[in-house]
Amino acid sequence: MDMVLELKKAFLTSESLQEFKIDFVLQKIEQNLAEFFGPPFIDYDGFGQERKKWFCQIPNSENRVLLISLNLYCIIFYRNWTENVPENVVMN
């Protein structure tokens, strides 16, 4: 979990990081993410697989956010455009 928090911090403070993916076998990280970032926004990919997402405002950036997406076997950190953030999302 320390690595996840360090990656979040790195994305929020660096303009050069765009995307980072962590693959894993066992999905025990979901509860930890919810404890740190609150309840996720839930949607589904094109195959019907559930994705849990957290959105974080990037300091000094009005048009970019950090998206942390938890899929079945990976977690993805992605710098996204604010216009792609769903309306009912709570920002972290």
PDB file of N, CA and C in Angstrom:
ATOM      1  N   MET A   1       0.823  -1.188   0.000  1.00  0.00           N
ATOM      2  CA  MET A   1       0.000   0.000   0.000  1.00  0.00           C
ATOM      3  C   MET A   1       0.871   1.256   0.000  1.00  0.00           C
ATOM      4  N   ASP A   2       2.059   1.157   0.589  1.00  0.00           N
ATOM      5  CA  ASP A   2       2.963   2.306   0.593  1.00  0.00           C
ATOM      6  C   ASP A   2       3.309   2.741  -0.830  1.00  0.00           C
ATOM      7  N   MET A   3       3.519   1.760  -1.713  1.00  0.00           N
ATOM      8  CA  MET A   3       3.846   2.083  -3.093  1.00  0.00           C
ATOM      9  C   MET A   3       2.695   2.838  -3.765  1.00  0.00           C
ATOM     10  N   VAL A   4       1.464   2.453  -3.479  1.00  0.00           N
ATOM     11  CA  VAL A   4       0.296   3.118  -4.056  1.00  0.00           C
ATOM     12  C   VAL A   4       0.258   4.575  -3.609  1.00  0.00           C
ATOM     13  N   LEU A   5       0.485   4.822  -2.335  1.00  0.00           N
ATOM     14  CA  LEU A   5       0.472   6.195  -1.819  1.00  0.00           C
ATOM     15  C   LEU A   5       1.627   7.016  -2.396  1.00  0.00           C
ATOM     16  N   GLU A   6       2.781   6.404  -2.563  1.00  0.00           N
ATOM     17  CA  GLU A   6       3.911   7.105  -3.166  1.00  0.00           C
ATOM     18  C   GLU A   6       3.629   7.439  -4.629  1.00  0.00           C
ATOM     19  N   LEU A   7       2.999   6.525  -5.351  1.00  0.00           N
ATOM     20  CA  LEU A   7       2.656   6.798  -6.741  1.00  0.00           C
ATOM     21  C   LEU A   7       1.628   7.922  -6.844  1.00  0.00           C
ATOM     22  N   LYS A   8       0.652   7.915  -5.958  1.00  0.00           N
ATOM     23  CA  LYS A   8      -0.332   9.004  -5.963  1.00  0.00           C
ATOM     24  C   LYS A   8       0.380  10.333  -5.754  1.00  0.00           C
ATOM     25  N   LYS A   9       1.255  10.401  -4.774  1.00  0.00           N
ATOM     26  CA  LYS A   9       1.986  11.629  -4.485  1.00  0.00           C
ATOM     27  C   LYS A   9       2.827  12.048  -5.696  1.00  0.00           C
ATOM     28  N   ALA A  10       3.493  11.096  -6.327  1.00  0.00           N
ATOM     29  CA  ALA A  10       4.317  11.401  -7.495  1.00  0.00           C
ATOM     30  C   ALA A  10       3.481  11.967  -8.637  1.00  0.00           C
ATOM     31  N   PHE A  11       2.315  11.388  -8.886  1.00  0.00           N
ATOM     32  CA  PHE A  11       1.451  11.879  -9.953  1.00  0.00           C
ATOM     33  C   PHE A  11       0.908  13.271  -9.653  1.00  0.00           C
ATOM     34  N   LEU A  12       0.640  13.549  -8.391  1.00  0.00           N
ATOM     35  CA  LEU A  12       0.093  14.849  -8.025  1.00  0.00           C
ATOM     36  C   LEU A  12       1.143  15.960  -8.053  1.00  0.00           C
ATOM     37  N   THR A  13       2.410  15.598  -8.010  1.00  0.00           N
ATOM     38  CA  THR A  13       3.457  16.616  -7.963  1.00  0.00           C
ATOM     39  C   THR A  13       4.306  16.675  -9.228  1.00  0.00           C
ATOM     40  N   SER A  14       4.157  15.739 -10.137  1.00  0.00           N
ATOM     41  CA  SER A  14       4.973  15.709 -11.348  1.00  0.00           C
ATOM     42  C   SER A  14       4.104  15.946 -12.577  1.00  0.00           C
ATOM     43  N   GLU A  15       4.588  16.793 -13.467  1.00  0.00           N
ATOM     44  CA  GLU A  15       3.866  17.030 -14.716  1.00  0.00           C
ATOM     45  C   GLU A  15       4.236  16.011 -15.790  1.00  0.00           C
ATOM     46  N   SER A  16       5.312  15.280 -15.594  1.00  0.00           N
ATOM     47  CA  SER A  16       5.783  14.376 -16.634  1.00  0.00           C
ATOM     48  C   SER A  16       5.175  12.972 -16.556  1.00  0.00           C
ATOM     49  N   LEU A  17       4.709  12.543 -15.397  1.00  0.00           N
ATOM     50  CA  LEU A  17       4.101  11.215 -15.284  1.00  0.00           C
ATOM     51  C   LEU A  17       2.740  11.209 -15.968  1.00  0.00           C
ATOM     52  N   GLN A  18       2.495  10.219 -16.808  1.00  0.00           N
ATOM     53  CA  GLN A  18       1.233  10.128 -17.521  1.00  0.00           C
ATOM     54  C   GLN A  18       0.432   8.884 -17.152  1.00  0.00           C
ATOM     55  N   GLU A  19       1.118   7.742 -17.028  1.00  0.00           N
ATOM     56  CA  GLU A  19       0.412   6.490 -16.747  1.00  0.00           C
ATOM     57  C   GLU A  19       1.378   5.502 -16.107  1.00  0.00           C
ATOM     58  N   PHE A  20       0.843   4.674 -15.183  1.00  0.00           N
ATOM     59  CA  PHE A  20       1.635   3.646 -14.527  1.00  0.00           C
ATOM     60  C   PHE A  20       0.688   2.508 -14.179  1.00  0.00           C
ATOM     61  N   LYS A  21       1.084   1.287 -14.482  1.00  0.00           N
ATOM     62  CA  LYS A  21       0.222   0.126 -14.253  1.00  0.00           C
ATOM     63  C   LYS A  21       0.935  -0.877 -13.362  1.00  0.00           C
ATOM     64  N   ILE A  22       0.199  -1.421 -12.391  1.00  0.00           N
ATOM     65  CA  ILE A  22       0.713  -2.469 -11.512  1.00  0.00           C
ATOM     66  C   ILE A  22      -0.162  -3.697 -11.692  1.00  0.00           C
ATOM     67  N   ASP A  23       0.417  -4.793 -12.118  1.00  0.00           N
ATOM     68  CA  ASP A  23      -0.309  -6.059 -12.233  1.00  0.00           C
ATOM     69  C   ASP A  23      -0.114  -6.865 -10.960  1.00  0.00           C
ATOM     70  N   PHE A  24      -1.142  -7.610 -10.557  1.00  0.00           N
ATOM     71  CA  PHE A  24      -1.031  -8.455  -9.371  1.00  0.00           C
ATOM     72  C   PHE A  24      -1.915  -9.680  -9.533  1.00  0.00           C
ATOM     73  N   VAL A  25      -1.667 -10.685  -8.714  1.00  0.00           N
ATOM     74  CA  VAL A  25      -2.411 -11.940  -8.798  1.00  0.00           C
ATOM     75  C   VAL A  25      -3.612 -11.933  -7.854  1.00  0.00           C
ATOM     76  N   LEU A  26      -3.412 -11.559  -6.624  1.00  0.00           N
ATOM     77  CA  LEU A  26      -4.495 -11.556  -5.649  1.00  0.00           C
ATOM     78  C   LEU A  26      -4.981 -10.140  -5.400  1.00  0.00           C
ATOM     79  N   GLN A  27      -6.285  -9.975  -5.400  1.00  0.00           N
ATOM     80  CA  GLN A  27      -6.857  -8.648  -5.244  1.00  0.00           C
ATOM     81  C   GLN A  27      -7.286  -8.416  -3.792  1.00  0.00           C
ATOM     82  N   LYS A  28      -6.335  -8.029  -2.970  1.00  0.00           N
ATOM     83  CA  LYS A  28      -6.642  -7.716  -1.578  1.00  0.00           C
ATOM     84  C   LYS A  28      -6.450  -6.225  -1.318  1.00  0.00           C
ATOM     85  N   ILE A  29      -6.189  -5.470  -2.352  1.00  0.00           N
ATOM     86  CA  ILE A  29      -5.876  -4.064  -2.198  1.00  0.00           C
ATOM     87  C   ILE A  29      -7.137  -3.191  -2.147  1.00  0.00           C
ATOM     88  N   GLU A  30      -8.255  -3.708  -2.621  1.00  0.00           N
ATOM     89  CA  GLU A  30      -9.481  -2.917  -2.727  1.00  0.00           C
ATOM     90  C   GLU A  30      -9.890  -2.263  -1.408  1.00  0.00           C
ATOM     91  N   GLN A  31      -9.888  -3.002  -0.337  1.00  0.00           N
ATOM     92  CA  GLN A  31     -10.289  -2.464   0.960  1.00  0.00           C
ATOM     93  C   GLN A  31      -9.337  -1.355   1.401  1.00  0.00           C
ATOM     94  N   ASN A  32      -8.039  -1.559   1.182  1.00  0.00           N
ATOM     95  CA  ASN A  32      -7.058  -0.537   1.550  1.00  0.00           C
ATOM     96  C   ASN A  32      -7.267   0.748   0.762  1.00  0.00           C
ATOM     97  N   LEU A  33      -7.535   0.621  -0.529  1.00  0.00           N
ATOM     98  CA  LEU A  33      -7.769   1.810  -1.337  1.00  0.00           C
ATOM     99  C   LEU A  33      -8.990   2.574  -0.840  1.00  0.00           C
ATOM    100  N   ALA A  34     -10.052   1.868  -0.526  1.00  0.00           N
ATOM    101  CA  ALA A  34     -11.265   2.520  -0.034  1.00  0.00           C
ATOM    102  C   ALA A  34     -11.020   3.206   1.303  1.00  0.00           C
ATOM    103  N   GLU A  35     -10.185   2.620   2.140  1.00  0.00           N
ATOM    104  CA  GLU A  35      -9.868   3.247   3.423  1.00  0.00           C
ATOM    105  C   GLU A  35      -9.101   4.553   3.235  1.00  0.00           C
ATOM    106  N   PHE A  36      -8.195   4.597   2.262  1.00  0.00           N
ATOM    107  CA  PHE A  36      -7.387   5.791   2.031  1.00  0.00           C
ATOM    108  C   PHE A  36      -8.104   6.836   1.184  1.00  0.00           C
ATOM    109  N   PHE A  37      -8.847   6.401   0.164  1.00  0.00           N
ATOM    110  CA  PHE A  37      -9.404   7.335  -0.815  1.00  0.00           C
ATOM    111  C   PHE A  37     -10.917   7.485  -0.740  1.00  0.00           C
ATOM    112  N   GLY A  38     -11.577   6.704   0.107  1.00  0.00           N
ATOM    113  CA  GLY A  38     -13.033   6.766   0.213  1.00  0.00           C
ATOM    114  C   GLY A  38     -13.697   5.819  -0.767  1.00  0.00           C
ATOM    115  N   PRO A  39     -15.031   5.857  -0.834  1.00  0.00           N
ATOM    116  CA  PRO A  39     -15.754   4.955  -1.735  1.00  0.00           C
ATOM    117  C   PRO A  39     -15.404   5.240  -3.194  1.00  0.00           C
ATOM    118  N   PRO A  40     -15.271   4.193  -3.992  1.00  0.00           N
ATOM    119  CA  PRO A  40     -14.916   4.394  -5.406  1.00  0.00           C
ATOM    120  C   PRO A  40     -16.137   4.729  -6.261  1.00  0.00           C
ATOM    121  N   PHE A  41     -15.841   5.297  -7.419  1.00  0.00           N
ATOM    122  CA  PHE A  41     -16.829   5.400  -8.488  1.00  0.00           C
ATOM    123  C   PHE A  41     -16.752   4.068  -9.228  1.00  0.00           C
ATOM    124  N   ILE A  42     -17.874   3.431  -9.498  1.00  0.00           N
ATOM    125  CA  ILE A  42     -17.880   2.109 -10.136  1.00  0.00           C
ATOM    126  C   ILE A  42     -18.503   2.206 -11.521  1.00  0.00           C
ATOM    127  N   ASP A  43     -17.791   1.649 -12.508  1.00  0.00           N
ATOM    128  CA  ASP A  43     -18.352   1.503 -13.842  1.00  0.00           C
ATOM    129  C   ASP A  43     -17.885   0.168 -14.417  1.00  0.00           C
ATOM    130  N   TYR A  44     -18.164  -0.081 -15.671  1.00  0.00           N
ATOM    131  CA  TYR A  44     -17.864  -1.375 -16.290  1.00  0.00           C
ATOM    132  C   TYR A  44     -17.165  -1.158 -17.624  1.00  0.00           C
ATOM    133  N   ASP A  45     -16.194  -2.026 -17.913  1.00  0.00           N
ATOM    134  CA  ASP A  45     -15.501  -1.927 -19.196  1.00  0.00           C
ATOM    135  C   ASP A  45     -16.344  -2.570 -20.295  1.00  0.00           C
ATOM    136  N   GLY A  46     -15.817  -2.611 -21.498  1.00  0.00           N
ATOM    137  CA  GLY A  46     -16.539  -3.151 -22.656  1.00  0.00           C
ATOM    138  C   GLY A  46     -16.856  -4.631 -22.555  1.00  0.00           C
ATOM    139  N   PHE A  47     -16.213  -5.337 -21.632  1.00  0.00           N
ATOM    140  CA  PHE A  47     -16.452  -6.767 -21.439  1.00  0.00           C
ATOM    141  C   PHE A  47     -17.340  -7.042 -20.231  1.00  0.00           C
ATOM    142  N   GLY A  48     -17.846  -5.986 -19.608  1.00  0.00           N
ATOM    143  CA  GLY A  48     -18.719  -6.148 -18.451  1.00  0.00           C
ATOM    144  C   GLY A  48     -17.973  -6.327 -17.134  1.00  0.00           C
ATOM    145  N   GLN A  49     -16.648  -6.145 -17.149  1.00  0.00           N
ATOM    146  CA  GLN A  49     -15.853  -6.265 -15.932  1.00  0.00           C
ATOM    147  C   GLN A  49     -15.953  -4.968 -15.123  1.00  0.00           C
ATOM    148  N   GLU A  50     -16.190  -5.112 -13.843  1.00  0.00           N
ATOM    149  CA  GLU A  50     -16.308  -3.961 -12.959  1.00  0.00           C
ATOM    150  C   GLU A  50     -14.960  -3.256 -12.798  1.00  0.00           C
ATOM    151  N   ARG A  51     -15.009  -1.915 -12.829  1.00  0.00           N
ATOM    152  CA  ARG A  51     -13.826  -1.100 -12.557  1.00  0.00           C
ATOM    153  C   ARG A  51     -14.172  -0.153 -11.419  1.00  0.00           C
ATOM    154  N   LYS A  52     -13.276  -0.051 -10.474  1.00  0.00           N
ATOM    155  CA  LYS A  52     -13.448   0.878  -9.361  1.00  0.00           C
ATOM    156  C   LYS A  52     -12.463   2.013  -9.585  1.00  0.00           C
ATOM    157  N   LYS A  53     -12.962   3.245  -9.483  1.00  0.00           N
ATOM    158  CA  LYS A  53     -12.128   4.396  -9.821  1.00  0.00           C
ATOM    159  C   LYS A  53     -12.178   5.448  -8.724  1.00  0.00           C
ATOM    160  N   TRP A  54     -11.023   6.069  -8.520  1.00  0.00           N
ATOM    161  CA  TRP A  54     -10.904   7.212  -7.617  1.00  0.00           C
ATOM    162  C   TRP A  54     -10.296   8.340  -8.426  1.00  0.00           C
ATOM    163  N   PHE A  55     -10.817   9.536  -8.243  1.00  0.00           N
ATOM    164  CA  PHE A  55     -10.336  10.714  -8.951  1.00  0.00           C
ATOM    165  C   PHE A  55      -9.742  11.686  -7.940  1.00  0.00           C
ATOM    166  N   CYS A  56      -8.561  12.207  -8.239  1.00  0.00           N
ATOM    167  CA  CYS A  56      -7.877  13.133  -7.343  1.00  0.00           C
ATOM    168  C   CYS A  56      -7.542  14.410  -8.108  1.00  0.00           C
ATOM    169  N   GLN A  57      -7.876  15.532  -7.507  1.00  0.00           N
ATOM    170  CA  GLN A  57      -7.526  16.812  -8.109  1.00  0.00           C
ATOM    171  C   GLN A  57      -6.021  16.998  -8.073  1.00  0.00           C
ATOM    172  N   ILE A  58      -5.441  17.416  -9.183  1.00  0.00           N
ATOM    173  CA  ILE A  58      -4.008  17.676  -9.254  1.00  0.00           C
ATOM    174  C   ILE A  58      -3.792  19.149  -8.899  1.00  0.00           C
ATOM    175  N   PRO A  59      -2.970  19.415  -7.891  1.00  0.00           N
ATOM    176  CA  PRO A  59      -2.728  20.805  -7.501  1.00  0.00           C
ATOM    177  C   PRO A  59      -2.222  21.650  -8.673  1.00  0.00           C
ATOM    178  N   ASN A  60      -2.684  22.873  -8.745  1.00  0.00           N
ATOM    179  CA  ASN A  60      -2.286  23.829  -9.775  1.00  0.00           C
ATOM    180  C   ASN A  60      -2.633  23.384 -11.193  1.00  0.00           C
ATOM    181  N   SER A  61      -3.635  22.536 -11.328  1.00  0.00           N
ATOM    182  CA  SER A  61      -4.084  22.097 -12.645  1.00  0.00           C
ATOM    183  C   SER A  61      -5.608  22.129 -12.690  1.00  0.00           C
ATOM    184  N   GLU A  62      -6.135  22.980 -13.518  1.00  0.00           N
ATOM    185  CA  GLU A  62      -7.586  23.090 -13.635  1.00  0.00           C
ATOM    186  C   GLU A  62      -8.168  22.092 -14.623  1.00  0.00           C
ATOM    187  N   ASN A  63      -7.337  21.560 -15.521  1.00  0.00           N
ATOM    188  CA  ASN A  63      -7.871  20.702 -16.570  1.00  0.00           C
ATOM    189  C   ASN A  63      -7.391  19.251 -16.524  1.00  0.00           C
ATOM    190  N   ARG A  64      -6.629  18.881 -15.483  1.00  0.00           N
ATOM    191  CA  ARG A  64      -6.166  17.497 -15.373  1.00  0.00           C
ATOM    192  C   ARG A  64      -6.465  16.952 -13.982  1.00  0.00           C
ATOM    193  N   VAL A  65      -6.740  15.636 -13.918  1.00  0.00           N
ATOM    194  CA  VAL A  65      -6.966  14.935 -12.656  1.00  0.00           C
ATOM    195  C   VAL A  65      -6.171  13.633 -12.684  1.00  0.00           C
ATOM    196  N   LEU A  66      -5.936  13.091 -11.510  1.00  0.00           N
ATOM    197  CA  LEU A  66      -5.341  11.764 -11.404  1.00  0.00           C
ATOM    198  C   LEU A  66      -6.480  10.766 -11.272  1.00  0.00           C
ATOM    199  N   LEU A  67      -6.483   9.771 -12.136  1.00  0.00           N
ATOM    200  CA  LEU A  67      -7.455   8.682 -12.078  1.00  0.00           C
ATOM    201  C   LEU A  67      -6.726   7.444 -11.587  1.00  0.00           C
ATOM    202  N   ILE A  68      -7.211   6.854 -10.504  1.00  0.00           N
ATOM    203  CA  ILE A  68      -6.693   5.587 -10.001  1.00  0.00           C
ATOM    204  C   ILE A  68      -7.779   4.555 -10.272  1.00  0.00           C
ATOM    205  N   SER A  69      -7.481   3.592 -11.124  1.00  0.00           N
ATOM    206  CA  SER A  69      -8.474   2.614 -11.561  1.00  0.00           C
ATOM    207  C   SER A  69      -8.065   1.215 -11.120  1.00  0.00           C
ATOM    208  N   LEU A  70      -8.953   0.554 -10.404  1.00  0.00           N
ATOM    209  CA  LEU A  70      -8.710  -0.816  -9.948  1.00  0.00           C
ATOM    210  C   LEU A  70      -9.539  -1.757 -10.805  1.00  0.00           C
ATOM    211  N   ASN A  71      -8.848  -2.583 -11.574  1.00  0.00           N
ATOM    212  CA  ASN A  71      -9.499  -3.577 -12.412  1.00  0.00           C
ATOM    213  C   ASN A  71      -9.301  -4.949 -11.781  1.00  0.00           C
ATOM    214  N   LEU A  72      -9.676  -5.987 -12.465  1.00  0.00           N
ATOM    215  CA  LEU A  72      -9.629  -7.326 -11.902  1.00  0.00           C
ATOM    216  C   LEU A  72      -8.243  -7.709 -11.384  1.00  0.00           C
ATOM    217  N   TYR A  73      -7.196  -7.482 -12.178  1.00  0.00           N
ATOM    218  CA  TYR A  73      -5.852  -7.890 -11.781  1.00  0.00           C
ATOM    219  C   TYR A  73      -4.809  -6.786 -11.911  1.00  0.00           C
ATOM    220  N   CYS A  74      -5.242  -5.538 -11.908  1.00  0.00           N
ATOM    221  CA  CYS A  74      -4.258  -4.464 -11.999  1.00  0.00           C
ATOM    222  C   CYS A  74      -4.816  -3.169 -11.422  1.00  0.00           C
ATOM    223  N   ILE A  75      -3.907  -2.292 -11.090  1.00  0.00           N
ATOM    224  CA  ILE A  75      -4.259  -0.939 -10.680  1.00  0.00           C
ATOM    225  C   ILE A  75      -3.515  -0.001 -11.630  1.00  0.00           C
ATOM    226  N   ILE A  76      -4.232   0.995 -12.138  1.00  0.00           N
ATOM    227  CA  ILE A  76      -3.655   1.912 -13.113  1.00  0.00           C
ATOM    228  C   ILE A  76      -3.756   3.333 -12.573  1.00  0.00           C
ATOM    229  N   PHE A  77      -2.641   4.043 -12.624  1.00  0.00           N
ATOM    230  CA  PHE A  77      -2.597   5.464 -12.318  1.00  0.00           C
ATOM    231  C   PHE A  77      -2.548   6.177 -13.656  1.00  0.00           C
ATOM    232  N   TYR A  78      -3.430   7.149 -13.865  1.00  0.00           N
ATOM    233  CA  TYR A  78      -3.515   7.783 -15.175  1.00  0.00           C
ATOM    234  C   TYR A  78      -3.867   9.256 -15.019  1.00  0.00           C
ATOM    235  N   ARG A  79      -3.120  10.101 -15.671  1.00  0.00           N
ATOM    236  CA  ARG A  79      -3.413  11.534 -15.696  1.00  0.00           C
ATOM    237  C   ARG A  79      -4.484  11.742 -16.775  1.00  0.00           C
ATOM    238  N   ASN A  80      -5.660  12.212 -16.365  1.00  0.00           N
ATOM    239  CA  ASN A  80      -6.811  12.309 -17.261  1.00  0.00           C
ATOM    240  C   ASN A  80      -7.281  13.756 -17.352  1.00  0.00           C
ATOM    241  N   TRP A  81      -8.102  14.048 -18.340  1.00  0.00           N
ATOM    242  CA  TRP A  81      -8.691  15.380 -18.508  1.00  0.00           C
ATOM    243  C   TRP A  81      -9.922  15.509 -17.619  1.00  0.00           C
ATOM    244  N   THR A  82     -10.118  16.675 -17.032  1.00  0.00           N
ATOM    245  CA  THR A  82     -11.270  16.888 -16.151  1.00  0.00           C
ATOM    246  C   THR A  82     -12.588  16.700 -16.896  1.00  0.00           C
ATOM    247  N   GLU A  83     -12.607  16.955 -18.178  1.00  0.00           N
ATOM    248  CA  GLU A  83     -13.843  16.787 -18.955  1.00  0.00           C
ATOM    249  C   GLU A  83     -14.276  15.321 -19.052  1.00  0.00           C
ATOM    250  N   ASN A  84     -13.377  14.390 -18.754  1.00  0.00           N
ATOM    251  CA  ASN A  84     -13.708  12.960 -18.776  1.00  0.00           C
ATOM    252  C   ASN A  84     -14.190  12.436 -17.429  1.00  0.00           C
ATOM    253  N   VAL A  85     -14.250  13.290 -16.417  1.00  0.00           N
ATOM    254  CA  VAL A  85     -14.684  12.876 -15.087  1.00  0.00           C
ATOM    255  C   VAL A  85     -16.217  12.833 -15.060  1.00  0.00           C
ATOM    256  N   PRO A  86     -16.804  11.703 -14.678  1.00  0.00           N
ATOM    257  CA  PRO A  86     -18.269  11.627 -14.593  1.00  0.00           C
ATOM    258  C   PRO A  86     -18.834  12.670 -13.626  1.00  0.00           C
ATOM    259  N   GLU A  87     -20.062  13.079 -13.852  1.00  0.00           N
ATOM    260  CA  GLU A  87     -20.689  14.160 -13.092  1.00  0.00           C
ATOM    261  C   GLU A  87     -20.809  13.883 -11.607  1.00  0.00           C
ATOM    262  N   ASN A  88     -21.115  12.658 -11.213  1.00  0.00           N
ATOM    263  CA  ASN A  88     -21.401  12.368  -9.812  1.00  0.00           C
ATOM    264  C   ASN A  88     -20.188  11.857  -9.028  1.00  0.00           C
ATOM    265  N   VAL A  89     -18.987  12.198  -9.466  1.00  0.00           N
ATOM    266  CA  VAL A  89     -17.756  11.745  -8.816  1.00  0.00           C
ATOM    267  C   VAL A  89     -17.378  12.701  -7.685  1.00  0.00           C
ATOM    268  N   VAL A  90     -16.944  12.120  -6.570  1.00  0.00           N
ATOM    269  CA  VAL A  90     -16.383  12.899  -5.470  1.00  0.00           C
ATOM    270  C   VAL A  90     -14.874  12.900  -5.661  1.00  0.00           C
ATOM    271  N   MET A  91     -14.297  14.091  -5.760  1.00  0.00           N
ATOM    272  CA  MET A  91     -12.856  14.207  -5.947  1.00  0.00           C
ATOM    273  C   MET A  91     -12.125  14.055  -4.624  1.00  0.00           C
ATOM    274  N   ASN A  92     -10.990  13.392  -4.655  1.00  0.00           N
ATOM    275  CA  ASN A  92     -10.132  13.235  -3.472  1.00  0.00           C
ATOM    276  C   ASN A  92      -9.051  14.279  -3.489  1.00  0.00           C
TER     277      ASN A  92
END
